[in-house]
Amino acid sequence: RDGPFRLFFFSREEPRIHVHVAHPDGEAKFWLSPIVHLATSTGLSPKQITEAQLVVQAHLKEIQDAWQHHFGG
């Protein structure tokens, strides 16, 4: 968690590294490679999407480590 954002991923989704970011107003999905960029979003304003992306970038190493720990490889 970071402020109003909650970051997570699903165990049985596609293998490409990504993270979901939930917010009380909606949700976004970000690809992490080759750079952090928006995949999809619902319910979030452009400002909230930018804030969510900044949260992902701030926690990128932690997210990548969690992905590797969970999925291996």
Protein backbone atom coordinates (compact mmCIF):
# COMPACT_ATOMS: atom_id res chain seq x y z
CA ARG A 1 0.00 0.00 0.00
CA ASP A 2 1.01 3.56 -0.68
CA GLY A 3 -1.50 6.23 0.28
CA PRO A 4 -4.83 5.40 -1.39
CA PHE A 5 -3.15 2.89 -3.73
CA ARG A 6 -2.90 -0.88 -3.26
CA LEU A 7 -0.54 -2.80 -5.52
CA PHE A 8 -1.04 -6.48 -6.37
CA PHE A 9 -0.83 -9.13 -9.05
CA PHE A 10 -2.82 -12.25 -9.84
CA SER A 11 -1.21 -15.68 -9.74
CA ARG A 12 -2.88 -17.04 -12.87
CA GLU A 13 -2.66 -14.14 -15.24
CA GLU A 14 -0.29 -13.61 -18.15
CA PRO A 15 3.43 -14.19 -17.61
CA ARG A 16 4.59 -10.71 -18.71
CA ILE A 17 5.66 -8.72 -15.65
CA HIS A 18 3.02 -6.22 -14.61
CA VAL A 19 1.24 -4.88 -11.55
CA HIS A 20 -2.33 -3.88 -10.77
CA VAL A 21 -2.96 -0.70 -8.79
CA ALA A 22 -6.28 -0.37 -7.00
CA HIS A 23 -7.67 2.95 -5.79
CA PRO A 24 -11.09 3.68 -4.23
CA ASP A 25 -12.13 5.26 -7.55
CA GLY A 26 -10.88 2.53 -9.89
CA GLU A 27 -7.96 0.43 -10.99
CA ALA A 28 -5.03 0.45 -13.41
CA LYS A 29 -2.63 -2.13 -14.77
CA PHE A 30 0.96 -1.23 -15.60
CA TRP A 31 3.53 -3.11 -17.64
CA LEU A 32 6.93 -2.95 -15.93
CA SER A 33 9.19 -3.79 -18.85
CA PRO A 34 10.91 -2.39 -20.77
CA ILE A 35 9.64 0.73 -18.97
CA VAL A 36 6.72 1.34 -16.61
CA HIS A 37 3.72 2.19 -18.78
CA LEU A 38 -0.05 1.99 -18.55
CA ALA A 39 -1.71 -1.14 -19.93
CA THR A 40 -5.34 -0.48 -18.91
CA SER A 41 -7.36 1.60 -16.49
CA THR A 42 -10.95 2.00 -15.37
CA GLY A 43 -12.47 4.72 -13.23
CA LEU A 44 -9.28 6.72 -12.64
CA SER A 45 -8.73 10.31 -13.73
CA PRO A 46 -5.60 11.20 -15.72
CA LYS A 47 -4.16 12.72 -12.52
CA GLN A 48 -4.81 9.52 -10.56
CA ILE A 49 -3.21 7.44 -13.32
CA THR A 50 -0.11 9.64 -13.17
CA GLU A 51 -0.03 9.30 -9.38
CA ALA A 52 -0.43 5.52 -9.66
CA GLN A 53 2.42 5.34 -12.16
CA LEU A 54 4.64 7.35 -9.81
CA VAL A 55 3.81 4.90 -7.00
CA VAL A 56 4.74 1.97 -9.24
CA GLN A 57 8.00 3.64 -10.23
CA ALA A 58 8.81 4.41 -6.58
CA HIS A 59 8.31 0.74 -5.64
CA LEU A 60 9.61 -0.83 -8.86
CA LYS A 61 12.46 -2.84 -7.31
CA GLU A 62 10.18 -4.12 -4.54
CA ILE A 63 7.52 -5.14 -7.09
CA GLN A 64 10.07 -6.88 -9.31
CA ASP A 65 11.52 -8.75 -6.32
CA ALA A 66 8.02 -9.84 -5.20
CA TRP A 67 7.24 -11.01 -8.75
CA GLN A 68 10.45 -13.05 -8.92
CA HIS A 69 9.81 -14.53 -5.48
CA HIS A 70 6.23 -15.45 -6.33
CA PHE A 71 6.63 -16.65 -9.92
CA GLY A 72 10.32 -17.61 -9.99
CA GLY A 73 12.72 -17.13 -12.85
